[in-house]
């Protein structure tokens, strides 16, 4: 049978509560345990009013705990749609590598993809320096397809260099970027990279050191394959007709093209391209809406405003290292889900995605809070007597 044993506990003054909480939770012997365990230790040893509220606030605002623990419901911003209307209006660029060095000294691959036609380009490179990338952009893209309105890339040092910035200014091209550690910001190029690597690996499986010899043939295979979003091949969208493949040279192509004069061919080609572009825009819009509707079902979290303090998720360098860094000030909301933030205790500024942020809880001690003055009421029997007399 249990015994109703009464224990005398010391009553802690409000001014000493932070000291006790620090010893119970923050001290190495406290282990930064959660609310339940910390509260039980305190109740076994001390008493003061509103213990649970104090422990909850203390654990919630503990920087060491917040730098390790993920929020209960991870933030996820709604999908942002970037519509495009014609070929090479907007292109995405990325660098793959380092790969296995070839006999020609190539270790990197500059991958470029057009957002409208899904047309891919890839250039083997010995290095990933800005000068090498700029040369391929000018010779391989600008001189063949014209300067795009927008180039989208990650925040790599080579893409953020002064040379690339000057190149874009020279050709009147705007430069946008993904947020760090958030590859979803450029899904088209990321998918293209995976597909290209798989195709290269399978094609050059017997000669992995010669992958740069196979790149043009792999690109031909991709350009002549129907893309699920556009329901057409990149070649047909760009040129208005399909490209002849080696299999066509062996077995021939179906007849059915009427004899046309040059003017008739040009007129028919223009009509076919206008109709095809309209279909591509419609299908791309429907596919973007479908993906957004599905993605946004899992969107959660409140958007931040300038002046808010936040934690920033960082890649884990070790199992014992922090997962979050902060606090940071929110300086500006750049678009629907990206922000420019700055360290509160430094000058470091970064552009981050909403999905890598969580609110920073600032600790406010109850002893410093202004408590509303409570009006003391007389006992009920006295109130009744007063009411009776009046």
Protein backbone atom coordinates (compact mmCIF):
# COMPACT_ATOMS: atom_id res chain seq x y z
CA UNK A 1 0.00 0.00 0.00
CA UNK A 2 1.14 3.50 -0.79
CA UNK A 3 1.92 6.01 1.89
CA UNK A 4 0.93 9.65 1.78
CA UNK A 5 4.41 10.84 2.58
CA UNK A 6 4.72 14.61 2.75
CA UNK A 7 7.98 16.22 1.70
CA UNK A 8 9.08 19.72 2.49
CA UNK A 9 10.40 21.40 -0.67
CA UNK A 10 12.28 24.68 -0.84
CA UNK A 11 10.31 27.49 -2.46
CA UNK A 12 12.41 29.18 -5.15
CA UNK A 13 12.08 32.95 -5.54
CA UNK A 14 11.22 34.10 -9.04
CA UNK A 15 14.65 35.73 -9.44
CA UNK A 16 16.39 32.36 -8.83
CA UNK A 17 14.24 30.32 -11.24
CA UNK A 18 16.56 30.80 -14.28
CA UNK A 19 19.49 29.51 -12.22
CA UNK A 20 17.60 26.33 -11.29
CA UNK A 21 16.40 25.81 -14.88
CA UNK A 22 19.94 26.22 -16.18
CA UNK A 23 21.25 23.59 -13.75
CA UNK A 24 18.43 21.13 -14.46
CA UNK A 25 18.37 21.52 -18.27
CA UNK A 26 21.56 23.17 -19.61
CA UNK A 27 24.17 21.68 -17.28
CA UNK A 28 25.95 18.57 -18.66
CA UNK A 29 24.27 16.54 -15.90
CA UNK A 30 20.93 17.79 -17.24
CA UNK A 31 21.66 16.64 -20.76
CA UNK A 32 19.27 19.09 -22.46
CA UNK A 33 16.40 16.67 -21.93
CA UNK A 34 12.83 17.53 -22.84
CA UNK A 35 10.01 19.15 -20.92
CA UNK A 36 8.64 16.05 -19.20
CA UNK A 37 11.95 14.80 -17.77
CA UNK A 38 13.17 18.27 -16.78
CA UNK A 39 9.86 19.11 -15.11
CA UNK A 40 9.85 15.87 -13.11
CA UNK A 41 13.35 16.56 -11.78
CA UNK A 42 12.29 20.03 -10.69
CA UNK A 43 9.08 18.85 -9.00
CA UNK A 44 11.06 16.33 -6.98
CA UNK A 45 13.30 19.07 -5.59
CA UNK A 46 11.71 22.53 -5.72
CA UNK A 47 8.48 24.44 -5.77
CA UNK A 48 7.40 27.69 -7.34
CA UNK A 49 4.22 28.69 -9.16
CA UNK A 50 3.83 28.02 -12.90
CA UNK A 51 6.61 25.45 -13.06
CA UNK A 52 5.31 23.78 -16.23
CA UNK A 53 5.05 27.06 -18.14
CA UNK A 54 8.58 28.02 -17.10
CA UNK A 55 10.06 24.66 -18.13
CA UNK A 56 8.23 24.69 -21.47
CA UNK A 57 9.48 28.20 -22.23
CA UNK A 58 13.03 27.34 -21.17
CA UNK A 59 13.25 24.21 -23.33
CA UNK A 60 11.58 25.91 -26.30
CA UNK A 61 14.05 28.82 -26.24
CA UNK A 62 17.19 26.76 -25.59
CA UNK A 63 19.61 27.52 -28.46
CA UNK A 64 21.55 24.27 -28.03
CA UNK A 65 18.36 22.22 -28.36
CA UNK A 66 17.01 24.30 -31.25
CA UNK A 67 20.27 23.91 -33.19
CA UNK A 68 19.80 20.12 -33.21
CA UNK A 69 16.09 19.45 -33.28
CA UNK A 70 13.85 19.77 -36.31
CA UNK A 71 10.48 21.50 -35.93
CA UNK A 72 7.57 19.16 -35.24
CA UNK A 73 6.02 20.12 -38.59
CA UNK A 74 8.77 20.91 -41.11
CA UNK A 75 8.07 24.07 -43.07
CA UNK A 76 7.32 23.70 -46.75
CA UNK A 77 6.53 26.59 -49.06
CA UNK A 78 4.02 26.40 -51.92
CA UNK A 79 5.50 25.61 -55.32
CA UNK A 80 6.47 28.61 -57.42
CA UNK A 81 5.67 28.41 -61.15
CA UNK A 82 7.94 29.95 -63.80
CA UNK A 83 6.00 30.09 -67.10
CA UNK A 84 7.90 30.24 -70.41
CA UNK A 85 6.48 31.02 -73.83
CA UNK A 86 9.05 30.27 -76.54
CA UNK A 87 12.33 28.38 -77.20
CA UNK A 88 15.41 29.52 -75.30
CA UNK A 89 13.58 32.20 -73.40
CA UNK A 90 14.87 30.67 -70.16
CA UNK A 91 17.64 28.12 -69.75
CA UNK A 92 19.01 26.25 -66.75
CA UNK A 93 22.72 25.52 -66.36
CA UNK A 94 24.63 23.23 -64.02
CA UNK A 95 28.01 21.52 -63.77
CA UNK A 96 28.36 17.78 -63.28
CA UNK A 97 31.57 16.49 -61.78
CA UNK A 98 34.24 15.81 -61.10
CA UNK A 99 33.74 12.70 -63.24
CA UNK A 100 36.30 10.11 -64.28
CA UNK A 101 39.01 11.92 -66.22
CA UNK A 102 39.03 11.06 -69.91
CA UNK A 103 42.03 10.70 -72.22
CA UNK A 104 41.31 14.23 -73.41
CA UNK A 105 41.57 15.55 -69.85
CA UNK A 106 37.86 16.26 -69.34
CA UNK A 107 36.51 15.85 -65.81
CA UNK A 108 33.39 18.05 -65.81
CA UNK A 109 30.25 18.39 -67.88
CA UNK A 110 28.40 21.68 -68.38
CA UNK A 111 24.71 20.77 -68.72
CA UNK A 112 22.26 23.27 -70.23
CA UNK A 113 18.54 22.73 -70.77
CA UNK A 114 15.88 24.92 -72.38
CA UNK A 115 12.75 25.18 -70.25
CA UNK A 116 10.33 25.42 -73.20
CA UNK A 117 11.52 22.77 -75.68
CA UNK A 118 13.44 20.62 -73.10
CA UNK A 119 16.34 20.74 -75.58
CA UNK A 120 19.59 19.67 -73.83
CA UNK A 121 23.17 20.72 -74.46
CA UNK A 122 26.24 19.33 -72.70
CA UNK A 123 29.88 20.37 -73.02
CA UNK A 124 32.79 18.31 -71.61
CA UNK A 125 35.30 20.50 -69.74
CA UNK A 126 38.71 19.98 -68.13
CA UNK A 127 37.75 22.36 -65.31
CA UNK A 128 34.70 24.20 -63.97
CA UNK A 129 36.17 27.70 -63.97
CA UNK A 130 34.05 30.70 -64.92
CA UNK A 131 36.15 31.39 -68.03
CA UNK A 132 35.50 27.89 -69.39
CA UNK A 133 31.77 28.13 -68.67
CA UNK A 134 31.54 31.58 -70.26
CA UNK A 135 33.23 30.35 -73.44
CA UNK A 136 30.75 27.49 -73.84
CA UNK A 137 27.79 29.76 -73.11
CA UNK A 138 28.84 32.19 -75.84
CA UNK A 139 29.98 29.70 -78.49
CA UNK A 140 27.58 26.88 -77.71
CA UNK A 141 24.39 28.76 -76.83
CA UNK A 142 24.40 32.48 -77.61
CA UNK A 143 25.96 32.10 -81.07
CA UNK A 144 23.65 29.22 -82.06
CA UNK A 145 20.31 29.99 -80.42
CA UNK A 146 20.63 33.64 -79.44
CA UNK A 147 20.93 35.13 -75.97
CA UNK A 148 18.21 33.90 -73.60
CA UNK A 149 16.17 36.26 -71.48
CA UNK A 150 17.09 34.39 -68.29
CA UNK A 151 19.84 32.02 -67.14
CA UNK A 152 19.08 30.00 -64.01
CA UNK A 153 21.85 28.33 -62.00
CA UNK A 154 22.89 27.38 -58.49
CA UNK A 155 24.98 29.63 -56.24
CA UNK A 156 28.29 28.07 -57.25
CA UNK A 157 31.35 30.29 -57.21
CA UNK A 158 31.76 29.92 -60.98
CA UNK A 159 28.19 31.00 -61.78
CA UNK A 160 28.30 33.89 -59.32
CA UNK A 161 31.59 35.26 -60.66
CA UNK A 162 32.05 38.78 -61.97
CA UNK A 163 32.78 37.36 -65.44
CA UNK A 164 29.40 35.63 -65.74
CA UNK A 165 27.68 38.73 -64.38
CA UNK A 166 29.42 40.91 -66.97
CA UNK A 167 28.56 38.42 -69.72
CA UNK A 168 24.87 38.52 -68.82
CA UNK A 169 24.90 42.32 -68.75
CA UNK A 170 26.59 42.41 -72.16
CA UNK A 171 23.89 40.23 -73.75
CA UNK A 172 20.98 41.69 -71.80
CA UNK A 173 20.33 38.42 -69.97
CA UNK A 174 19.02 38.32 -66.41
CA UNK A 175 20.60 35.90 -63.96
CA UNK A 176 18.56 33.98 -61.38
CA UNK A 177 19.78 31.40 -58.90
CA UNK A 178 18.61 28.53 -56.79
CA UNK A 179 18.88 28.69 -53.02
CA UNK A 180 21.75 26.84 -51.36
CA UNK A 181 21.18 23.16 -50.47
CA UNK A 182 17.78 23.21 -52.13
CA UNK A 183 18.04 21.42 -55.52
CA UNK A 184 14.25 21.43 -55.91
CA UNK A 185 14.66 25.05 -56.97
CA UNK A 186 15.82 23.82 -60.39
CA UNK A 187 13.99 20.55 -60.89
CA UNK A 188 14.34 20.47 -64.69
CA UNK A 189 18.15 20.54 -64.70
CA UNK A 190 18.37 18.15 -61.73
CA UNK A 191 16.23 15.58 -63.56
CA UNK A 192 18.21 16.17 -66.74
CA UNK A 193 21.44 15.52 -64.85
CA UNK A 194 20.20 12.21 -63.47
CA UNK A 195 18.95 11.07 -66.86
CA UNK A 196 22.13 12.14 -68.63
CA UNK A 197 24.39 10.39 -66.12
CA UNK A 198 22.39 7.15 -66.42
CA UNK A 199 22.49 7.31 -70.23
CA UNK A 200 26.23 8.06 -70.28
CA UNK A 201 27.00 5.29 -67.80
CA UNK A 202 25.03 2.71 -69.79
CA UNK A 203 26.41 3.83 -73.16
CA UNK A 204 30.07 3.99 -72.11
CA UNK A 205 29.95 1.04 -69.72
CA UNK A 206 32.77 -0.73 -71.58
CA UNK A 207 34.84 2.45 -71.90
CA UNK A 208 34.07 4.62 -68.85
CA UNK A 209 37.17 6.69 -69.53
CA UNK A 210 35.76 7.71 -72.91
CA UNK A 211 32.44 9.17 -71.76
CA UNK A 212 33.11 12.46 -73.56
CA UNK A 213 33.16 10.54 -76.86
CA UNK A 214 29.58 9.41 -76.30
CA UNK A 215 28.04 12.66 -75.13
CA UNK A 216 26.84 13.86 -78.56
CA UNK A 217 25.16 10.53 -79.33
CA UNK A 218 23.50 10.48 -75.92
CA UNK A 219 22.20 14.01 -76.51
CA UNK A 220 20.79 12.92 -79.88
CA UNK A 221 18.92 10.10 -78.14
CA UNK A 222 17.39 12.54 -75.65
CA UNK A 223 16.51 15.17 -78.25
CA UNK A 224 14.63 12.64 -80.37
CA UNK A 225 12.62 11.15 -77.48
CA UNK A 226 9.13 12.34 -76.54
CA UNK A 227 9.12 14.36 -73.32
CA UNK A 228 6.24 13.55 -70.98
CA UNK A 229 5.45 17.22 -70.30
CA UNK A 230 5.30 18.45 -73.90
CA UNK A 231 4.17 15.16 -75.54
CA UNK A 232 6.67 15.94 -78.31
CA UNK A 233 10.38 15.55 -78.95
CA UNK A 234 12.69 18.52 -78.30
CA UNK A 235 13.82 18.30 -81.92
CA UNK A 236 10.31 18.67 -83.30
CA UNK A 237 9.49 21.62 -81.02
CA UNK A 238 12.71 23.43 -81.96
CA UNK A 239 12.91 22.63 -85.69
CA UNK A 240 9.33 21.76 -86.58
CA UNK A 241 10.24 18.26 -87.73
CA UNK A 242 11.80 15.06 -86.48
CA UNK A 243 15.50 14.30 -86.92
CA UNK A 244 16.60 11.35 -89.05
CA UNK A 245 18.18 8.63 -86.94
CA UNK A 246 20.50 5.77 -87.98
CA UNK A 247 17.53 3.39 -87.83
CA UNK A 248 15.76 5.58 -90.40
CA UNK A 249 18.71 5.29 -92.75
CA UNK A 250 18.53 1.51 -92.54
CA UNK A 251 14.77 0.95 -92.70
CA UNK A 252 13.62 4.22 -94.21
CA UNK A 253 10.92 6.64 -93.07
CA UNK A 254 7.19 6.51 -93.78
CA UNK A 255 6.22 8.36 -96.95
CA UNK A 256 3.44 10.89 -96.89
CA UNK A 257 5.06 14.29 -97.21
CA UNK A 258 3.59 16.12 -100.22
CA UNK A 259 5.79 17.88 -102.71
CA UNK A 260 5.89 21.58 -101.80
CA UNK A 261 7.47 24.72 -103.09
CA UNK A 262 9.76 26.66 -100.79
CA UNK A 263 7.08 29.23 -99.97
CA UNK A 264 4.52 26.48 -99.31
CA UNK A 265 6.96 24.67 -97.03
CA UNK A 266 7.72 27.85 -95.06
CA UNK A 267 4.04 28.67 -94.68
CA UNK A 268 3.22 25.12 -93.57
CA UNK A 269 6.19 25.06 -91.17
CA UNK A 270 5.08 28.35 -89.58
CA UNK A 271 1.54 27.02 -89.09
CA UNK A 272 2.82 23.75 -87.64
CA UNK A 273 5.13 25.55 -85.20
CA UNK A 274 2.43 27.98 -84.08
CA UNK A 275 0.06 25.10 -83.41
CA UNK A 276 2.81 23.08 -81.70
CA UNK A 277 3.88 26.02 -79.51
CA UNK A 278 0.28 26.56 -78.45
CA UNK A 279 -0.06 22.88 -77.52
CA UNK A 280 3.22 22.94 -75.59
CA UNK A 281 2.19 26.03 -73.61
CA UNK A 282 -1.16 24.47 -72.77
CA UNK A 283 0.31 21.11 -71.75
CA UNK A 284 3.11 22.75 -69.77
CA UNK A 285 0.59 24.91 -67.93
CA UNK A 286 -1.59 21.90 -67.11
CA UNK A 287 1.42 19.89 -65.92
CA UNK A 288 2.68 22.75 -63.76
CA UNK A 289 -0.78 23.15 -62.22
CA UNK A 290 -1.02 19.41 -61.54
CA UNK A 291 2.39 19.36 -59.87
CA UNK A 292 1.62 22.51 -57.87
CA UNK A 293 -1.74 21.16 -56.65
CA UNK A 294 -0.07 17.95 -55.47
CA UNK A 295 2.93 19.71 -53.93
CA UNK A 296 0.90 22.40 -52.18
CA UNK A 297 -1.15 19.77 -50.33
CA UNK A 298 1.91 19.32 -48.12
CA UNK A 299 2.75 23.03 -47.84
CA UNK A 300 2.78 24.31 -44.27
CA UNK A 301 4.24 27.06 -42.16
CA UNK A 302 3.83 30.82 -41.83
CA UNK A 303 5.84 33.03 -44.16
CA UNK A 304 8.43 35.29 -42.54
CA UNK A 305 8.57 39.07 -42.64
CA UNK A 306 11.56 41.47 -42.57
CA UNK A 307 12.81 41.81 -39.00
CA UNK A 308 11.89 38.26 -37.97
CA UNK A 309 14.62 36.14 -36.40
CA UNK A 310 15.07 32.63 -37.76
CA UNK A 311 17.19 29.51 -37.64
CA UNK A 312 18.88 28.38 -40.87
CA UNK A 313 19.24 24.68 -41.67
CA UNK A 314 22.82 23.73 -42.55
CA UNK A 315 24.36 20.50 -43.88
CA UNK A 316 25.53 18.27 -41.06
CA UNK A 317 29.33 17.96 -41.02
CA UNK A 318 29.38 15.41 -38.21
CA UNK A 319 26.92 13.36 -36.20
CA UNK A 320 27.53 15.58 -33.18
CA UNK A 321 27.40 18.86 -35.06
CA UNK A 322 24.44 21.26 -35.19
CA UNK A 323 21.72 20.97 -37.82
CA UNK A 324 20.62 24.60 -37.54
CA UNK A 325 22.57 27.85 -37.38
CA UNK A 326 21.39 31.15 -36.02
CA UNK A 327 19.88 33.41 -35.24
CA UNK A 328 19.56 35.29 -38.53
CA UNK A 329 17.64 38.46 -39.29
CA UNK A 330 15.23 38.33 -42.23
CA UNK A 331 16.26 41.29 -44.39
CA UNK A 332 14.01 40.91 -47.40
CA UNK A 333 11.56 38.52 -48.99
CA UNK A 334 12.81 38.14 -52.57
CA UNK A 335 9.87 36.24 -54.03
CA UNK A 336 7.26 33.76 -52.94
CA UNK A 337 9.59 31.50 -50.97
CA UNK A 338 13.17 32.85 -50.94
CA UNK A 339 14.67 35.30 -48.47
CA UNK A 340 17.82 37.29 -47.93
CA UNK A 341 18.97 36.87 -44.31
CA UNK A 342 21.92 38.11 -42.25
CA UNK A 343 23.59 36.73 -39.15
CA UNK A 344 22.53 38.60 -36.02
CA UNK A 345 26.06 38.38 -34.62
CA UNK A 346 27.95 38.93 -37.87
CA UNK A 347 27.82 40.33 -41.39
CA UNK A 348 27.23 37.10 -43.31
CA UNK A 349 24.33 37.42 -45.77
CA UNK A 350 22.81 34.51 -47.68
CA UNK A 351 19.79 33.80 -49.86
CA UNK A 352 17.81 30.84 -48.52
CA UNK A 353 14.62 28.97 -49.28
CA UNK A 354 11.69 28.99 -46.88
CA UNK A 355 11.98 25.20 -46.45
CA UNK A 356 15.37 25.66 -44.74
CA UNK A 357 14.14 28.14 -42.13
CA UNK A 358 12.34 27.88 -38.79
CA UNK A 359 11.33 30.56 -36.27
CA UNK A 360 13.81 31.59 -33.61
CA UNK A 361 12.26 31.62 -30.14
CA UNK A 362 13.64 34.44 -28.01
CA UNK A 363 13.92 33.81 -24.28
CA UNK A 364 12.04 36.26 -22.08
CA UNK A 365 12.38 35.57 -18.37
CA UNK A 366 9.18 35.71 -16.39
CA UNK A 367 10.92 37.80 -13.76
CA UNK A 368 11.30 40.58 -16.35
CA UNK A 369 7.77 40.36 -17.67
CA UNK A 370 5.27 42.99 -16.67
CA UNK A 371 2.55 41.11 -14.83
CA UNK A 372 -0.91 42.69 -14.90
CA UNK A 373 -2.03 43.87 -11.49
CA UNK A 374 -4.65 41.56 -10.04
CA UNK A 375 -7.56 43.15 -8.23
CA UNK A 376 -8.27 41.39 -4.97
CA UNK A 377 -11.91 40.53 -4.46
CA UNK A 378 -13.51 40.25 -1.01
CA UNK A 379 -14.81 36.83 0.09
CA UNK A 380 -18.17 35.78 -1.31
CA UNK A 381 -20.05 36.25 1.98
CA UNK A 382 -18.82 39.84 2.24
CA UNK A 383 -19.77 40.57 -1.38
CA UNK A 384 -23.26 39.22 -0.66
CA UNK A 385 -23.50 41.40 2.45
CA UNK A 386 -22.40 44.48 0.54
CA UNK A 387 -24.93 43.81 -2.21
CA UNK A 388 -27.67 43.24 0.37
CA UNK A 389 -26.95 46.53 2.13
CA UNK A 390 -26.97 48.50 -1.07
